[in-house]
Amino acid sequence: MNANNIVRELMSLGLTQREIERRSGVKQCVVSALNTGRYGRRTPYNTVMSLQRVLDQVKAQPEGQNHPS
């Protein structure tokens, strides 16, 4: 899966761009650019892996538990 699709899926699961930033370490401006398709260069591998790790964690959580305190 590419970074654009990961960001879109995370947002469809209820995470905000700021929450994705907090969990992944990927800056919010990069998350926004990926979400809108404006990220003009090849996405670094570590960025994709950081986003994928968050997606895997969110999917592993019980329903309704996507926003921990």
C-alpha atoms as a PDB file:
ATOM      1  CA  MET A   1       0.000   0.000   0.000  1.00  0.00           C
ATOM      2  CA  ASN A   2       1.309   3.464  -0.752  1.00  0.00           C
ATOM      3  CA  ALA A   3       1.484   6.355   1.719  1.00  0.00           C
ATOM      4  CA  ASN A   4      -1.448   8.231   0.150  1.00  0.00           C
ATOM      5  CA  ASN A   5      -3.755   5.250   0.616  1.00  0.00           C
ATOM      6  CA  ILE A   6      -2.533   4.621   4.163  1.00  0.00           C
ATOM      7  CA  VAL A   7      -3.258   8.232   5.177  1.00  0.00           C
ATOM      8  CA  ARG A   8      -6.697   8.106   3.586  1.00  0.00           C
ATOM      9  CA  GLU A   9      -7.510   4.846   5.338  1.00  0.00           C
ATOM     10  CA  LEU A  10      -6.335   6.197   8.715  1.00  0.00           C
ATOM     11  CA  MET A  11      -8.530   9.248   8.258  1.00  0.00           C
ATOM     12  CA  SER A  12     -11.497   7.091   7.251  1.00  0.00           C
ATOM     13  CA  LEU A  13     -10.981   5.229  10.535  1.00  0.00           C
ATOM     14  CA  GLY A  14     -11.443   8.513  12.399  1.00  0.00           C
ATOM     15  CA  LEU A  15      -7.900   9.742  12.973  1.00  0.00           C
ATOM     16  CA  THR A  16      -7.134  13.402  12.351  1.00  0.00           C
ATOM     17  CA  GLN A  17      -4.000  14.590  10.603  1.00  0.00           C
ATOM     18  CA  ARG A  18      -2.651  15.764  13.962  1.00  0.00           C
ATOM     19  CA  GLU A  19      -3.336  12.359  15.523  1.00  0.00           C
ATOM     20  CA  ILE A  20      -1.548  10.657  12.630  1.00  0.00           C
ATOM     21  CA  GLU A  21       1.381  13.035  13.178  1.00  0.00           C
ATOM     22  CA  ARG A  22       1.466  12.306  16.898  1.00  0.00           C
ATOM     23  CA  ARG A  23       1.363   8.541  16.436  1.00  0.00           C
ATOM     24  CA  SER A  24       3.682   8.242  13.441  1.00  0.00           C
ATOM     25  CA  GLY A  25       6.130  11.113  13.786  1.00  0.00           C
ATOM     26  CA  VAL A  26       5.309  12.193  10.207  1.00  0.00           C
ATOM     27  CA  LYS A  27       4.757  15.958  10.142  1.00  0.00           C
ATOM     28  CA  GLN A  28       1.164  17.113   9.717  1.00  0.00           C
ATOM     29  CA  CYS A  29       2.037  19.112   6.591  1.00  0.00           C
ATOM     30  CA  VAL A  30       3.371  15.912   4.984  1.00  0.00           C
ATOM     31  CA  VAL A  31       0.250  13.992   6.070  1.00  0.00           C
ATOM     32  CA  SER A  32      -1.890  16.731   4.503  1.00  0.00           C
ATOM     33  CA  ALA A  33       0.096  16.691   1.254  1.00  0.00           C
ATOM     34  CA  LEU A  34      -0.187  12.902   1.053  1.00  0.00           C
ATOM     35  CA  ASN A  35      -3.917  13.057   1.749  1.00  0.00           C
ATOM     36  CA  THR A  36      -4.557  15.563  -1.024  1.00  0.00           C
ATOM     37  CA  GLY A  37      -2.075  14.076  -3.490  1.00  0.00           C
ATOM     38  CA  ARG A  38       0.133  17.184  -3.442  1.00  0.00           C
ATOM     39  CA  TYR A  39       3.236  15.385  -2.157  1.00  0.00           C
ATOM     40  CA  GLY A  40       5.331  15.915  -5.264  1.00  0.00           C
ATOM     41  CA  ARG A  41       8.241  13.579  -4.692  1.00  0.00           C
ATOM     42  CA  ARG A  42       8.705   9.922  -3.951  1.00  0.00           C
ATOM     43  CA  THR A  43       7.673   9.143  -0.380  1.00  0.00           C
ATOM     44  CA  PRO A  44      10.625   7.971   1.736  1.00  0.00           C
ATOM     45  CA  TYR A  45      10.499   4.343   2.861  1.00  0.00           C
ATOM     46  CA  ASN A  46      10.659   5.266   6.571  1.00  0.00           C
ATOM     47  CA  THR A  47       7.621   7.537   6.147  1.00  0.00           C
ATOM     48  CA  VAL A  48       5.594   4.752   4.553  1.00  0.00           C
ATOM     49  CA  MET A  49       6.665   2.298   7.249  1.00  0.00           C
ATOM     50  CA  SER A  50       5.791   4.739  10.067  1.00  0.00           C
ATOM     51  CA  LEU A  51       2.327   5.261   8.617  1.00  0.00           C
ATOM     52  CA  GLN A  52       1.855   1.524   8.029  1.00  0.00           C
ATOM     53  CA  ARG A  53       2.798   0.803  11.654  1.00  0.00           C
ATOM     54  CA  VAL A  54       0.073   3.196  12.858  1.00  0.00           C
ATOM     55  CA  LEU A  55      -2.466   1.631  10.498  1.00  0.00           C
ATOM     56  CA  ASP A  56      -1.589  -1.846  11.780  1.00  0.00           C
ATOM     57  CA  GLN A  57      -1.960  -0.663  15.394  1.00  0.00           C
ATOM     58  CA  VAL A  58      -5.321   0.974  14.713  1.00  0.00           C
ATOM     59  CA  LYS A  59      -6.658  -2.096  12.935  1.00  0.00           C
ATOM     60  CA  ALA A  60      -5.525  -4.317  15.830  1.00  0.00           C
ATOM     61  CA  GLN A  61      -7.487  -2.262  18.381  1.00  0.00           C
ATOM     62  CA  PRO A  62     -11.037  -3.217  19.335  1.00  0.00           C
ATOM     63  CA  GLU A  63     -13.768  -1.216  17.581  1.00  0.00           C
ATOM     64  CA  GLY A  64     -14.168   2.271  19.050  1.00  0.00           C
ATOM     65  CA  GLN A  65     -10.687   2.284  20.608  1.00  0.00           C
ATOM     66  CA  ASN A  66      -8.900   4.343  17.921  1.00  0.00           C
ATOM     67  CA  HIS A  67      -8.388   7.369  20.162  1.00  0.00           C
ATOM     68  CA  PRO A  68      -6.497   6.399  23.326  1.00  0.00           C
ATOM     69  CA  SER A  69      -6.338   8.892  26.158  1.00  0.00           C
END
